[in-house]
Amino acid sequence: MKKLILSLFALSLLSSPLYAGELHKVMGKREGRTNHSFMYEEKDCKTCHQGSPKGPATETACIDCHGSYQEIAAATASQTPNPHDAPHWGADVPCTVCHSEHKSAKVLCNDCHQFAFPNFSK
């Protein structure tokens, strides 16, 4: 059962870059995701970087816009497997481990697990 859950989690990560939005230039030289382009037009860095603009985005900022862990899991329930219904996600693994706004995604699962992610390059 553990292998099945880990396999499903790994497969879910293959689809993550497809929904993340491409990187494009925003606010000068800074890159950001196309799916968050409205933030750069209407808001400032403090929307996500609630402490310091040079520090990481806070989990609270993600939840403020996208909803609770349960709401996000429900909203992505049609995805098979559902990356937001994984055993590590939530309290153990914050949003910013998988979701990056200003740089390409990195396969962090491979720090502990050994999976092949041929399409995880964006």
PDB file of N, CA and C in Angstrom:
ATOM      1  N   MET A   1       0.824  -1.191   0.000  1.00  0.00           N
ATOM      2  CA  MET A   1       0.000   0.000   0.000  1.00  0.00           C
ATOM      3  C   MET A   1       0.872   1.260   0.000  1.00  0.00           C
ATOM      4  N   LYS A   2       1.982   1.223   0.743  1.00  0.00           N
ATOM      5  CA  LYS A   2       2.873   2.379   0.801  1.00  0.00           C
ATOM      6  C   LYS A   2       3.438   2.688  -0.583  1.00  0.00           C
ATOM      7  N   LYS A   3       3.815   1.635  -1.329  1.00  0.00           N
ATOM      8  CA  LYS A   3       4.350   1.842  -2.676  1.00  0.00           C
ATOM      9  C   LYS A   3       3.293   2.437  -3.598  1.00  0.00           C
ATOM     10  N   LEU A   4       2.052   1.995  -3.449  1.00  0.00           N
ATOM     11  CA  LEU A   4       0.962   2.526  -4.266  1.00  0.00           C
ATOM     12  C   LEU A   4       0.759   4.012  -3.991  1.00  0.00           C
ATOM     13  N   ILE A   5       0.718   4.385  -2.730  1.00  0.00           N
ATOM     14  CA  ILE A   5       0.520   5.791  -2.364  1.00  0.00           C
ATOM     15  C   ILE A   5       1.679   6.641  -2.875  1.00  0.00           C
ATOM     16  N   LEU A   6       2.893   6.167  -2.693  1.00  0.00           N
ATOM     17  CA  LEU A   6       4.051   6.925  -3.168  1.00  0.00           C
ATOM     18  C   LEU A   6       4.059   7.032  -4.686  1.00  0.00           C
ATOM     19  N   SER A   7       3.653   5.966  -5.369  1.00  0.00           N
ATOM     20  CA  SER A   7       3.575   6.000  -6.827  1.00  0.00           C
ATOM     21  C   SER A   7       2.537   7.005  -7.297  1.00  0.00           C
ATOM     22  N   LEU A   8       1.386   7.009  -6.640  1.00  0.00           N
ATOM     23  CA  LEU A   8       0.338   7.968  -7.004  1.00  0.00           C
ATOM     24  C   LEU A   8       0.795   9.399  -6.759  1.00  0.00           C
ATOM     25  N   PHE A   9       1.483   9.601  -5.660  1.00  0.00           N
ATOM     26  CA  PHE A   9       2.009  10.934  -5.359  1.00  0.00           C
ATOM     27  C   PHE A   9       3.014  11.358  -6.427  1.00  0.00           C
ATOM     28  N   ALA A  10       3.887  10.442  -6.819  1.00  0.00           N
ATOM     29  CA  ALA A  10       4.885  10.744  -7.844  1.00  0.00           C
ATOM     30  C   ALA A  10       4.219  11.082  -9.173  1.00  0.00           C
ATOM     31  N   LEU A  11       3.216  10.327  -9.543  1.00  0.00           N
ATOM     32  CA  LEU A  11       2.501  10.606 -10.783  1.00  0.00           C
ATOM     33  C   LEU A  11       1.814  11.958 -10.745  1.00  0.00           C
ATOM     34  N   SER A  12       1.318  12.318  -9.596  1.00  0.00           N
ATOM     35  CA  SER A  12       0.646  13.619  -9.486  1.00  0.00           C
ATOM     36  C   SER A  12       1.614  14.759  -9.753  1.00  0.00           C
ATOM     37  N   LEU A  13       2.859  14.571  -9.413  1.00  0.00           N
ATOM     38  CA  LEU A  13       3.845  15.625  -9.623  1.00  0.00           C
ATOM     39  C   LEU A  13       4.163  15.831 -11.096  1.00  0.00           C
ATOM     40  N   LEU A  14       3.935  14.797 -11.907  1.00  0.00           N
ATOM     41  CA  LEU A  14       4.164  14.937 -13.337  1.00  0.00           C
ATOM     42  C   LEU A  14       3.238  15.976 -13.947  1.00  0.00           C
ATOM     43  N   SER A  15       2.039  16.078 -13.420  1.00  0.00           N
ATOM     44  CA  SER A  15       1.076  17.024 -13.977  1.00  0.00           C
ATOM     45  C   SER A  15       1.206  18.413 -13.367  1.00  0.00           C
ATOM     46  N   SER A  16       1.918  18.570 -12.286  1.00  0.00           N
ATOM     47  CA  SER A  16       2.020  19.869 -11.612  1.00  0.00           C
ATOM     48  C   SER A  16       2.540  20.984 -12.507  1.00  0.00           C
ATOM     49  N   PRO A  17       3.606  20.775 -13.292  1.00  0.00           N
ATOM     50  CA  PRO A  17       4.094  21.876 -14.116  1.00  0.00           C
ATOM     51  C   PRO A  17       3.081  22.328 -15.157  1.00  0.00           C
ATOM     52  N   LEU A  18       2.178  21.447 -15.562  1.00  0.00           N
ATOM     53  CA  LEU A  18       1.189  21.804 -16.567  1.00  0.00           C
ATOM     54  C   LEU A  18       0.233  22.868 -16.066  1.00  0.00           C
ATOM     55  N   TYR A  19       0.020  22.946 -14.784  1.00  0.00           N
ATOM     56  CA  TYR A  19      -0.928  23.880 -14.208  1.00  0.00           C
ATOM     57  C   TYR A  19      -0.247  25.075 -13.553  1.00  0.00           C
ATOM     58  N   ALA A  20       1.060  25.091 -13.532  1.00  0.00           N
ATOM     59  CA  ALA A  20       1.782  26.120 -12.796  1.00  0.00           C
ATOM     60  C   ALA A  20       1.867  27.444 -13.538  1.00  0.00           C
ATOM     61  N   GLY A  21       1.711  27.441 -14.849  1.00  0.00           N
ATOM     62  CA  GLY A  21       1.873  28.670 -15.620  1.00  0.00           C
ATOM     63  C   GLY A  21       3.332  28.865 -15.988  1.00  0.00           C
ATOM     64  N   GLU A  22       3.554  29.400 -17.161  1.00  0.00           N
ATOM     65  CA  GLU A  22       4.915  29.640 -17.631  1.00  0.00           C
ATOM     66  C   GLU A  22       5.508  30.861 -16.934  1.00  0.00           C
ATOM     67  N   LEU A  23       6.820  30.880 -16.845  1.00  0.00           N
ATOM     68  CA  LEU A  23       7.513  32.045 -16.292  1.00  0.00           C
ATOM     69  C   LEU A  23       7.574  33.149 -17.345  1.00  0.00           C
ATOM     70  N   HIS A  24       7.351  34.386 -16.942  1.00  0.00           N
ATOM     71  CA  HIS A  24       7.506  35.535 -17.827  1.00  0.00           C
ATOM     72  C   HIS A  24       8.019  36.719 -17.007  1.00  0.00           C
ATOM     73  N   LYS A  25       8.559  37.702 -17.687  1.00  0.00           N
ATOM     74  CA  LYS A  25       9.138  38.872 -17.008  1.00  0.00           C
ATOM     75  C   LYS A  25       8.038  39.720 -16.387  1.00  0.00           C
ATOM     76  N   VAL A  26       8.218  40.055 -15.134  1.00  0.00           N
ATOM     77  CA  VAL A  26       7.289  40.932 -14.417  1.00  0.00           C
ATOM     78  C   VAL A  26       8.115  41.889 -13.570  1.00  0.00           C
ATOM     79  N   MET A  27       7.620  43.047 -13.331  1.00  0.00           N
ATOM     80  CA  MET A  27       8.263  44.004 -12.427  1.00  0.00           C
ATOM     81  C   MET A  27       9.769  44.117 -12.697  1.00  0.00           C
ATOM     82  N   GLY A  28      10.139  44.523 -13.893  1.00  0.00           N
ATOM     83  CA  GLY A  28      11.550  44.666 -14.235  1.00  0.00           C
ATOM     84  C   GLY A  28      12.161  43.350 -14.656  1.00  0.00           C
ATOM     85  N   LYS A  29      13.200  42.923 -13.943  1.00  0.00           N
ATOM     86  CA  LYS A  29      13.896  41.687 -14.293  1.00  0.00           C
ATOM     87  C   LYS A  29      13.302  40.456 -13.630  1.00  0.00           C
ATOM     88  N   ARG A  30      12.429  40.642 -12.674  1.00  0.00           N
ATOM     89  CA  ARG A  30      11.843  39.539 -11.904  1.00  0.00           C
ATOM     90  C   ARG A  30      10.931  38.698 -12.791  1.00  0.00           C
ATOM     91  N   GLU A  31      10.997  37.368 -12.661  1.00  0.00           N
ATOM     92  CA  GLU A  31      10.094  36.475 -13.374  1.00  0.00           C
ATOM     93  C   GLU A  31       8.965  36.055 -12.455  1.00  0.00           C
ATOM     94  N   GLY A  32       7.810  35.786 -13.036  1.00  0.00           N
ATOM     95  CA  GLY A  32       6.652  35.313 -12.291  1.00  0.00           C
ATOM     96  C   GLY A  32       5.807  34.414 -13.172  1.00  0.00           C
ATOM     97  N   ARG A  33       4.856  33.738 -12.587  1.00  0.00           N
ATOM     98  CA  ARG A  33       3.988  32.803 -13.305  1.00  0.00           C
ATOM     99  C   ARG A  33       2.856  33.536 -14.021  1.00  0.00           C
ATOM    100  N   THR A  34       2.537  33.077 -15.220  1.00  0.00           N
ATOM    101  CA  THR A  34       1.461  33.699 -15.988  1.00  0.00           C
ATOM    102  C   THR A  34       0.124  33.596 -15.270  1.00  0.00           C
ATOM    103  N   ASN A  35      -0.103  32.514 -14.527  1.00  0.00           N
ATOM    104  CA  ASN A  35      -1.385  32.366 -13.833  1.00  0.00           C
ATOM    105  C   ASN A  35      -1.519  33.310 -12.639  1.00  0.00           C
ATOM    106  N   HIS A  36      -0.453  33.978 -12.262  1.00  0.00           N
ATOM    107  CA  HIS A  36      -0.502  34.973 -11.189  1.00  0.00           C
ATOM    108  C   HIS A  36      -0.270  36.386 -11.729  1.00  0.00           C
ATOM    109  N   SER A  37      -0.391  36.580 -13.031  1.00  0.00           N
ATOM    110  CA  SER A  37      -0.079  37.882 -13.629  1.00  0.00           C
ATOM    111  C   SER A  37      -0.928  39.009 -13.053  1.00  0.00           C
ATOM    112  N   PHE A  38      -2.158  38.709 -12.656  1.00  0.00           N
ATOM    113  CA  PHE A  38      -3.023  39.739 -12.068  1.00  0.00           C
ATOM    114  C   PHE A  38      -2.411  40.330 -10.798  1.00  0.00           C
ATOM    115  N   MET A  39      -1.650  39.526 -10.066  1.00  0.00           N
ATOM    116  CA  MET A  39      -1.042  40.019  -8.824  1.00  0.00           C
ATOM    117  C   MET A  39      -0.020  41.108  -9.104  1.00  0.00           C
ATOM    118  N   TYR A  40       0.696  40.966 -10.195  1.00  0.00           N
ATOM    119  CA  TYR A  40       1.730  41.948 -10.516  1.00  0.00           C
ATOM    120  C   TYR A  40       1.122  43.246 -11.031  1.00  0.00           C
ATOM    121  N   GLU A  41      -0.082  43.174 -11.567  1.00  0.00           N
ATOM    122  CA  GLU A  41      -0.758  44.367 -12.069  1.00  0.00           C
ATOM    123  C   GLU A  41      -1.501  45.101 -10.954  1.00  0.00           C
ATOM    124  N   GLU A  42      -2.086  44.348 -10.021  1.00  0.00           N
ATOM    125  CA  GLU A  42      -2.972  44.932  -9.016  1.00  0.00           C
ATOM    126  C   GLU A  42      -2.364  45.033  -7.619  1.00  0.00           C
ATOM    127  N   LYS A  43      -1.314  44.261  -7.345  1.00  0.00           N
ATOM    128  CA  LYS A  43      -0.809  44.167  -5.975  1.00  0.00           C
ATOM    129  C   LYS A  43       0.694  44.376  -5.953  1.00  0.00           C
ATOM    130  N   ASP A  44       1.307  44.138  -4.815  1.00  0.00           N
ATOM    131  CA  ASP A  44       2.757  44.250  -4.727  1.00  0.00           C
ATOM    132  C   ASP A  44       3.335  42.992  -4.091  1.00  0.00           C
ATOM    133  N   CYS A  45       4.627  42.985  -3.883  1.00  0.00           N
ATOM    134  CA  CYS A  45       5.322  41.800  -3.369  1.00  0.00           C
ATOM    135  C   CYS A  45       4.800  41.348  -2.010  1.00  0.00           C
ATOM    136  N   LYS A  46       4.321  42.298  -1.200  1.00  0.00           N
ATOM    137  CA  LYS A  46       3.873  41.972   0.153  1.00  0.00           C
ATOM    138  C   LYS A  46       2.607  41.117   0.171  1.00  0.00           C
ATOM    139  N   THR A  47       1.939  40.979  -0.975  1.00  0.00           N
ATOM    140  CA  THR A  47       0.768  40.107  -1.040  1.00  0.00           C
ATOM    141  C   THR A  47       1.163  38.684  -0.659  1.00  0.00           C
ATOM    142  N   CYS A  48       2.285  38.224  -1.172  1.00  0.00           N
ATOM    143  CA  CYS A  48       2.762  36.869  -0.860  1.00  0.00           C
ATOM    144  C   CYS A  48       3.887  36.876   0.170  1.00  0.00           C
ATOM    145  N   HIS A  49       4.789  37.824   0.035  1.00  0.00           N
ATOM    146  CA  HIS A  49       5.924  37.935   0.952  1.00  0.00           C
ATOM    147  C   HIS A  49       5.503  38.834   2.108  1.00  0.00           C
ATOM    148  N   GLN A  50       4.749  38.270   3.028  1.00  0.00           N
ATOM    149  CA  GLN A  50       4.126  39.062   4.082  1.00  0.00           C
ATOM    150  C   GLN A  50       5.121  39.579   5.117  1.00  0.00           C
ATOM    151  N   GLY A  51       6.287  38.990   5.194  1.00  0.00           N
ATOM    152  CA  GLY A  51       7.308  39.479   6.111  1.00  0.00           C
ATOM    153  C   GLY A  51       8.219  40.441   5.382  1.00  0.00           C
ATOM    154  N   SER A  52       9.147  39.910   4.647  1.00  0.00           N
ATOM    155  CA  SER A  52      10.114  40.695   3.892  1.00  0.00           C
ATOM    156  C   SER A  52       9.998  40.322   2.421  1.00  0.00           C
ATOM    157  N   PRO A  53      10.068  41.286   1.510  1.00  0.00           N
ATOM    158  CA  PRO A  53       9.997  40.956   0.086  1.00  0.00           C
ATOM    159  C   PRO A  53      11.104  40.011  -0.373  1.00  0.00           C
ATOM    160  N   LYS A  54      12.200  39.947   0.370  1.00  0.00           N
ATOM    161  CA  LYS A  54      13.289  39.051  -0.003  1.00  0.00           C
ATOM    162  C   LYS A  54      13.171  37.691   0.674  1.00  0.00           C
ATOM    163  N   GLY A  55      12.245  37.545   1.608  1.00  0.00           N
ATOM    164  CA  GLY A  55      12.032  36.267   2.277  1.00  0.00           C
ATOM    165  C   GLY A  55      11.041  35.414   1.499  1.00  0.00           C
ATOM    166  N   PRO A  56      10.867  34.178   1.898  1.00  0.00           N
ATOM    167  CA  PRO A  56       9.938  33.292   1.186  1.00  0.00           C
ATOM    168  C   PRO A  56       8.483  33.718   1.392  1.00  0.00           C
ATOM    169  N   ALA A  57       7.647  33.348   0.442  1.00  0.00           N
ATOM    170  CA  ALA A  57       6.204  33.578   0.583  1.00  0.00           C
ATOM    171  C   ALA A  57       5.705  32.760   1.769  1.00  0.00           C
ATOM    172  N   THR A  58       4.702  33.273   2.444  1.00  0.00           N
ATOM    173  CA  THR A  58       4.175  32.564   3.611  1.00  0.00           C
ATOM    174  C   THR A  58       3.058  31.612   3.212  1.00  0.00           C
ATOM    175  N   GLU A  59       2.901  30.565   3.986  1.00  0.00           N
ATOM    176  CA  GLU A  59       1.814  29.606   3.778  1.00  0.00           C
ATOM    177  C   GLU A  59       0.463  30.307   3.928  1.00  0.00           C
ATOM    178  N   THR A  60       0.389  31.251   4.834  1.00  0.00           N
ATOM    179  CA  THR A  60      -0.845  32.017   5.045  1.00  0.00           C
ATOM    180  C   THR A  60      -1.251  32.750   3.776  1.00  0.00           C
ATOM    181  N   ALA A  61      -0.286  33.301   3.062  1.00  0.00           N
ATOM    182  CA  ALA A  61      -0.587  34.014   1.820  1.00  0.00           C
ATOM    183  C   ALA A  61      -1.188  33.072   0.785  1.00  0.00           C
ATOM    184  N   CYS A  62      -0.667  31.864   0.685  1.00  0.00           N
ATOM    185  CA  CYS A  62      -1.217  30.878  -0.257  1.00  0.00           C
ATOM    186  C   CYS A  62      -2.664  30.548   0.113  1.00  0.00           C
ATOM    187  N   ILE A  63      -2.890  30.280   1.383  1.00  0.00           N
ATOM    188  CA  ILE A  63      -4.218  29.888   1.865  1.00  0.00           C
ATOM    189  C   ILE A  63      -5.205  31.043   1.738  1.00  0.00           C
ATOM    190  N   ASP A  64      -4.747  32.273   1.952  1.00  0.00           N
ATOM    191  CA  ASP A  64      -5.633  33.433   1.821  1.00  0.00           C
ATOM    192  C   ASP A  64      -6.250  33.517   0.429  1.00  0.00           C
ATOM    193  N   CYS A  65      -5.475  33.197  -0.602  1.00  0.00           N
ATOM    194  CA  CYS A  65      -5.984  33.277  -1.978  1.00  0.00           C
ATOM    195  C   CYS A  65      -6.599  31.967  -2.473  1.00  0.00           C
ATOM    196  N   HIS A  66      -5.978  30.846  -2.135  1.00  0.00           N
ATOM    197  CA  HIS A  66      -6.380  29.570  -2.726  1.00  0.00           C
ATOM    198  C   HIS A  66      -7.297  28.734  -1.850  1.00  0.00           C
ATOM    199  N   GLY A  67      -7.465  29.096  -0.582  1.00  0.00           N
ATOM    200  CA  GLY A  67      -8.341  28.346   0.314  1.00  0.00           C
ATOM    201  C   GLY A  67      -7.561  27.404   1.213  1.00  0.00           C
ATOM    202  N   SER A  68      -8.287  26.740   2.096  1.00  0.00           N
ATOM    203  CA  SER A  68      -7.669  25.808   3.051  1.00  0.00           C
ATOM    204  C   SER A  68      -7.163  24.562   2.327  1.00  0.00           C
ATOM    205  N   TYR A  69      -6.385  23.753   3.026  1.00  0.00           N
ATOM    206  CA  TYR A  69      -5.903  22.496   2.458  1.00  0.00           C
ATOM    207  C   TYR A  69      -7.072  21.644   1.979  1.00  0.00           C
ATOM    208  N   GLN A  70      -8.126  21.593   2.770  1.00  0.00           N
ATOM    209  CA  GLN A  70      -9.297  20.793   2.419  1.00  0.00           C
ATOM    210  C   GLN A  70      -9.987  21.354   1.175  1.00  0.00           C
ATOM    211  N   GLU A  71     -10.093  22.669   1.084  1.00  0.00           N
ATOM    212  CA  GLU A  71     -10.727  23.292  -0.085  1.00  0.00           C
ATOM    213  C   GLU A  71      -9.907  23.062  -1.351  1.00  0.00           C
ATOM    214  N   ILE A  72      -8.603  23.141  -1.235  1.00  0.00           N
ATOM    215  CA  ILE A  72      -7.744  22.907  -2.399  1.00  0.00           C
ATOM    216  C   ILE A  72      -7.834  21.449  -2.831  1.00  0.00           C
ATOM    217  N   ALA A  73      -7.815  20.526  -1.879  1.00  0.00           N
ATOM    218  CA  ALA A  73      -7.949  19.102  -2.207  1.00  0.00           C
ATOM    219  C   ALA A  73      -9.287  18.836  -2.888  1.00  0.00           C
ATOM    220  N   ALA A  74     -10.350  19.469  -2.422  1.00  0.00           N
ATOM    221  CA  ALA A  74     -11.674  19.287  -3.031  1.00  0.00           C
ATOM    222  C   ALA A  74     -11.713  19.882  -4.440  1.00  0.00           C
ATOM    223  N   ALA A  75     -11.074  21.034  -4.625  1.00  0.00           N
ATOM    224  CA  ALA A  75     -11.070  21.692  -5.932  1.00  0.00           C
ATOM    225  C   ALA A  75     -10.285  20.903  -6.972  1.00  0.00           C
ATOM    226  N   THR A  76      -9.317  20.114  -6.527  1.00  0.00           N
ATOM    227  CA  THR A  76      -8.501  19.318  -7.453  1.00  0.00           C
ATOM    228  C   THR A  76      -8.866  17.838  -7.393  1.00  0.00           C
ATOM    229  N   ALA A  77     -10.027  17.528  -6.840  1.00  0.00           N
ATOM    230  CA  ALA A  77     -10.451  16.130  -6.667  1.00  0.00           C
ATOM    231  C   ALA A  77     -10.592  15.387  -7.987  1.00  0.00           C
ATOM    232  N   SER A  78     -10.845  16.096  -9.081  1.00  0.00           N
ATOM    233  CA  SER A  78     -11.006  15.430 -10.377  1.00  0.00           C
ATOM    234  C   SER A  78      -9.671  14.966 -10.949  1.00  0.00           C
ATOM    235  N   GLN A  79      -8.566  15.448 -10.413  1.00  0.00           N
ATOM    236  CA  GLN A  79      -7.253  15.002 -10.873  1.00  0.00           C
ATOM    237  C   GLN A  79      -6.953  13.630 -10.291  1.00  0.00           C
ATOM    238  N   THR A  80      -6.488  12.747 -11.141  1.00  0.00           N
ATOM    239  CA  THR A  80      -6.150  11.406 -10.683  1.00  0.00           C
ATOM    240  C   THR A  80      -4.699  11.129 -11.019  1.00  0.00           C
ATOM    241  N   PRO A  81      -3.875  10.949 -10.028  1.00  0.00           N
ATOM    242  CA  PRO A  81      -4.123  11.120  -8.604  1.00  0.00           C
ATOM    243  C   PRO A  81      -4.183  12.601  -8.248  1.00  0.00           C
ATOM    244  N   ASN A  82      -4.757  12.881  -7.119  1.00  0.00           N
ATOM    245  CA  ASN A  82      -4.907  14.256  -6.655  1.00  0.00           C
ATOM    246  C   ASN A  82      -3.652  14.661  -5.874  1.00  0.00           C
ATOM    247  N   PRO A  83      -2.847  15.579  -6.412  1.00  0.00           N
ATOM    248  CA  PRO A  83      -1.611  15.952  -5.721  1.00  0.00           C
ATOM    249  C   PRO A  83      -1.845  16.625  -4.371  1.00  0.00           C
ATOM    250  N   HIS A  84      -3.033  17.149  -4.157  1.00  0.00           N
ATOM    251  CA  HIS A  84      -3.332  17.836  -2.901  1.00  0.00           C
ATOM    252  C   HIS A  84      -4.023  16.929  -1.895  1.00  0.00           C
ATOM    253  N   ASP A  85      -4.039  15.645  -2.191  1.00  0.00           N
ATOM    254  CA  ASP A  85      -4.579  14.652  -1.267  1.00  0.00           C
ATOM    255  C   ASP A  85      -3.499  13.607  -0.989  1.00  0.00           C
ATOM    256  N   ALA A  86      -2.254  14.046  -1.003  1.00  0.00           N
ATOM    257  CA  ALA A  86      -1.107  13.166  -0.785  1.00  0.00           C
ATOM    258  C   ALA A  86      -0.770  13.120   0.700  1.00  0.00           C
ATOM    259  N   PRO A  87      -0.136  12.036   1.146  1.00  0.00           N
ATOM    260  CA  PRO A  87       0.146  11.898   2.579  1.00  0.00           C
ATOM    261  C   PRO A  87       1.088  12.964   3.132  1.00  0.00           C
ATOM    262  N   HIS A  88       1.972  13.514   2.319  1.00  0.00           N
ATOM    263  CA  HIS A  88       2.936  14.498   2.814  1.00  0.00           C
ATOM    264  C   HIS A  88       2.404  15.923   2.773  1.00  0.00           C
ATOM    265  N   TRP A  89       1.417  16.193   1.982  1.00  0.00           N
ATOM    266  CA  TRP A  89       0.994  17.571   1.709  1.00  0.00           C
ATOM    267  C   TRP A  89       0.258  18.184   2.885  1.00  0.00           C
ATOM    268  N   GLY A  90       0.439  19.452   3.088  1.00  0.00           N
ATOM    269  CA  GLY A  90      -0.268  20.161   4.154  1.00  0.00           C
ATOM    270  C   GLY A  90       0.679  20.547   5.270  1.00  0.00           C
ATOM    271  N   ALA A  91       0.465  19.992   6.428  1.00  0.00           N
ATOM    272  CA  ALA A  91       1.259  20.372   7.602  1.00  0.00           C
ATOM    273  C   ALA A  91       2.733  20.001   7.446  1.00  0.00           C
ATOM    274  N   ASP A  92       3.019  18.864   6.807  1.00  0.00           N
ATOM    275  CA  ASP A  92       4.405  18.410   6.665  1.00  0.00           C
ATOM    276  C   ASP A  92       5.143  19.098   5.517  1.00  0.00           C
ATOM    277  N   VAL A  93       4.444  19.345   4.420  1.00  0.00           N
ATOM    278  CA  VAL A  93       5.060  19.925   3.230  1.00  0.00           C
ATOM    279  C   VAL A  93       4.274  21.171   2.824  1.00  0.00           C
ATOM    280  N   PRO A  94       4.836  22.352   3.017  1.00  0.00           N
ATOM    281  CA  PRO A  94       4.110  23.575   2.665  1.00  0.00           C
ATOM    282  C   PRO A  94       3.969  23.746   1.150  1.00  0.00           C
ATOM    283  N   CYS A  95       3.067  24.607   0.755  1.00  0.00           N
ATOM    284  CA  CYS A  95       2.771  24.854  -0.663  1.00  0.00           C
ATOM    285  C   CYS A  95       4.031  25.159  -1.472  1.00  0.00           C
ATOM    286  N   THR A  96       4.923  25.963  -0.894  1.00  0.00           N
ATOM    287  CA  THR A  96       6.085  26.442  -1.636  1.00  0.00           C
ATOM    288  C   THR A  96       7.138  25.370  -1.895  1.00  0.00           C
ATOM    289  N   VAL A  97       6.966  24.186  -1.343  1.00  0.00           N
ATOM    290  CA  VAL A  97       7.889  23.097  -1.660  1.00  0.00           C
ATOM    291  C   VAL A  97       7.675  22.658  -3.107  1.00  0.00           C
ATOM    292  N   CYS A  98       6.423  22.571  -3.534  1.00  0.00           N
ATOM    293  CA  CYS A  98       6.108  22.158  -4.905  1.00  0.00           C
ATOM    294  C   CYS A  98       5.860  23.349  -5.829  1.00  0.00           C
ATOM    295  N   HIS A  99       5.291  24.411  -5.295  1.00  0.00           N
ATOM    296  CA  HIS A  99       4.921  25.568  -6.109  1.00  0.00           C
ATOM    297  C   HIS A  99       5.951  26.670  -5.937  1.00  0.00           C
ATOM    298  N   SER A 100       6.535  27.094  -7.046  1.00  0.00           N
ATOM    299  CA  SER A 100       7.515  28.173  -7.033  1.00  0.00           C
ATOM    300  C   SER A 100       7.024  29.272  -7.961  1.00  0.00           C
ATOM    301  N   GLU A 101       7.087  30.491  -7.517  1.00  0.00           N
ATOM    302  CA  GLU A 101       6.602  31.618  -8.318  1.00  0.00           C
ATOM    303  C   GLU A 101       7.675  32.186  -9.232  1.00  0.00           C
ATOM    304  N   HIS A 102       8.903  32.269  -8.758  1.00  0.00           N
ATOM    305  CA  HIS A 102       9.920  33.019  -9.486  1.00  0.00           C
ATOM    306  C   HIS A 102      11.005  32.171 -10.140  1.00  0.00           C
ATOM    307  N   LYS A 103      10.918  30.867 -10.057  1.00  0.00           N
ATOM    308  CA  LYS A 103      11.935  30.025 -10.684  1.00  0.00           C
ATOM    309  C   LYS A 103      11.308  28.711 -11.117  1.00  0.00           C
ATOM    310  N   SER A 104      12.033  27.964 -11.925  1.00  0.00           N
ATOM    311  CA  SER A 104      11.540  26.681 -12.413  1.00  0.00           C
ATOM    312  C   SER A 104      11.361  25.701 -11.270  1.00  0.00           C
ATOM    313  N   ALA A 105      10.447  24.764 -11.464  1.00  0.00           N
ATOM    314  CA  ALA A 105      10.184  23.752 -10.444  1.00  0.00           C
ATOM    315  C   ALA A 105      11.382  22.815 -10.306  1.00  0.00           C
ATOM    316  N   LYS A 106      11.524  22.257  -9.133  1.00  0.00           N
ATOM    317  CA  LYS A 106      12.588  21.296  -8.850  1.00  0.00           C
ATOM    318  C   LYS A 106      11.927  20.065  -8.246  1.00  0.00           C
ATOM    319  N   VAL A 107      12.387  18.891  -8.644  1.00  0.00           N
ATOM    320  CA  VAL A 107      11.813  17.652  -8.132  1.00  0.00           C
ATOM    321  C   VAL A 107      12.363  17.395  -6.733  1.00  0.00           C
ATOM    322  N   LEU A 108      11.682  17.919  -5.733  1.00  0.00           N
ATOM    323  CA  LEU A 108      12.141  17.773  -4.354  1.00  0.00           C
ATOM    324  C   LEU A 108      11.826  16.400  -3.771  1.00  0.00           C
ATOM    325  N   CYS A 109      10.890  15.684  -4.364  1.00  0.00           N
ATOM    326  CA  CYS A 109      10.566  14.341  -3.872  1.00  0.00           C
ATOM    327  C   CYS A 109      11.791  13.431  -3.924  1.00  0.00           C
ATOM    328  N   ASN A 110      12.645  13.681  -4.924  1.00  0.00           N
ATOM    329  CA  ASN A 110      13.814  12.826  -5.087  1.00  0.00           C
ATOM    330  C   ASN A 110      14.865  13.028  -4.007  1.00  0.00           C
ATOM    331  N   ASP A 111      14.653  13.989  -3.128  1.00  0.00           N
ATOM    332  CA  ASP A 111      15.551  14.113  -1.983  1.00  0.00           C
ATOM    333  C   ASP A 111      15.431  12.893  -1.074  1.00  0.00           C
ATOM    334  N   CYS A 112      14.239  12.299  -1.036  1.00  0.00           N
ATOM    335  CA  CYS A 112      14.005  11.115  -0.204  1.00  0.00           C
ATOM    336  C   CYS A 112      13.605   9.887  -1.019  1.00  0.00           C
ATOM    337  N   HIS A 113      12.924  10.103  -2.131  1.00  0.00           N
ATOM    338  CA  HIS A 113      12.400   9.010  -2.952  1.00  0.00           C
ATOM    339  C   HIS A 113      13.126   8.976  -4.288  1.00  0.00           C
ATOM    340  N   GLN A 114      13.089   7.841  -4.957  1.00  0.00           N
ATOM    341  CA  GLN A 114      13.706   7.698  -6.266  1.00  0.00           C
ATOM    342  C   GLN A 114      12.626   7.482  -7.318  1.00  0.00           C
ATOM    343  N   PHE A 115      12.298   8.550  -8.049  1.00  0.00           N
ATOM    344  CA  PHE A 115      11.311   8.494  -9.116  1.00  0.00           C
ATOM    345  C   PHE A 115      11.905   9.140 -10.362  1.00  0.00           C
ATOM    346  N   ALA A 116      11.412   8.732 -11.516  1.00  0.00           N
ATOM    347  CA  ALA A 116      11.789   9.373 -12.771  1.00  0.00           C
ATOM    348  C   ALA A 116      10.703  10.372 -13.137  1.00  0.00           C
ATOM    349  N   PHE A 117      11.088  11.614 -13.402  1.00  0.00           N
ATOM    350  CA  PHE A 117      10.146  12.666 -13.784  1.00  0.00           C
ATOM    351  C   PHE A 117      10.601  13.275 -15.113  1.00  0.00           C
ATOM    352  N   PRO A 118      10.389  12.581 -16.220  1.00  0.00           N
ATOM    353  CA  PRO A 118      10.904  13.083 -17.498  1.00  0.00           C
ATOM    354  C   PRO A 118      10.289  14.404 -17.950  1.00  0.00           C
ATOM    355  N   ASN A 119       9.069  14.712 -17.551  1.00  0.00           N
ATOM    356  CA  ASN A 119       8.400  15.935 -18.003  1.00  0.00           C
ATOM    357  C   ASN A 119       8.428  17.043 -16.965  1.00  0.00           C
ATOM    358  N   PHE A 120       9.193  16.890 -15.911  1.00  0.00           N
ATOM    359  CA  PHE A 120       9.200  17.861 -14.817  1.00  0.00           C
ATOM    360  C   PHE A 120      10.360  18.829 -15.012  1.00  0.00           C
ATOM    361  N   SER A 121      10.293  19.625 -16.060  1.00  0.00           N
ATOM    362  CA  SER A 121      11.414  20.516 -16.353  1.00  0.00           C
ATOM    363  C   SER A 121      11.038  21.982 -16.328  1.00  0.00           C
ATOM    364  N   LYS A 122       9.752  22.305 -16.200  1.00  0.00           N
ATOM    365  CA  LYS A 122       9.313  23.708 -16.252  1.00  0.00           C
ATOM    366  C   LYS A 122       9.290  24.319 -14.882  1.00  0.00           C
TER     367      LYS A 122
END
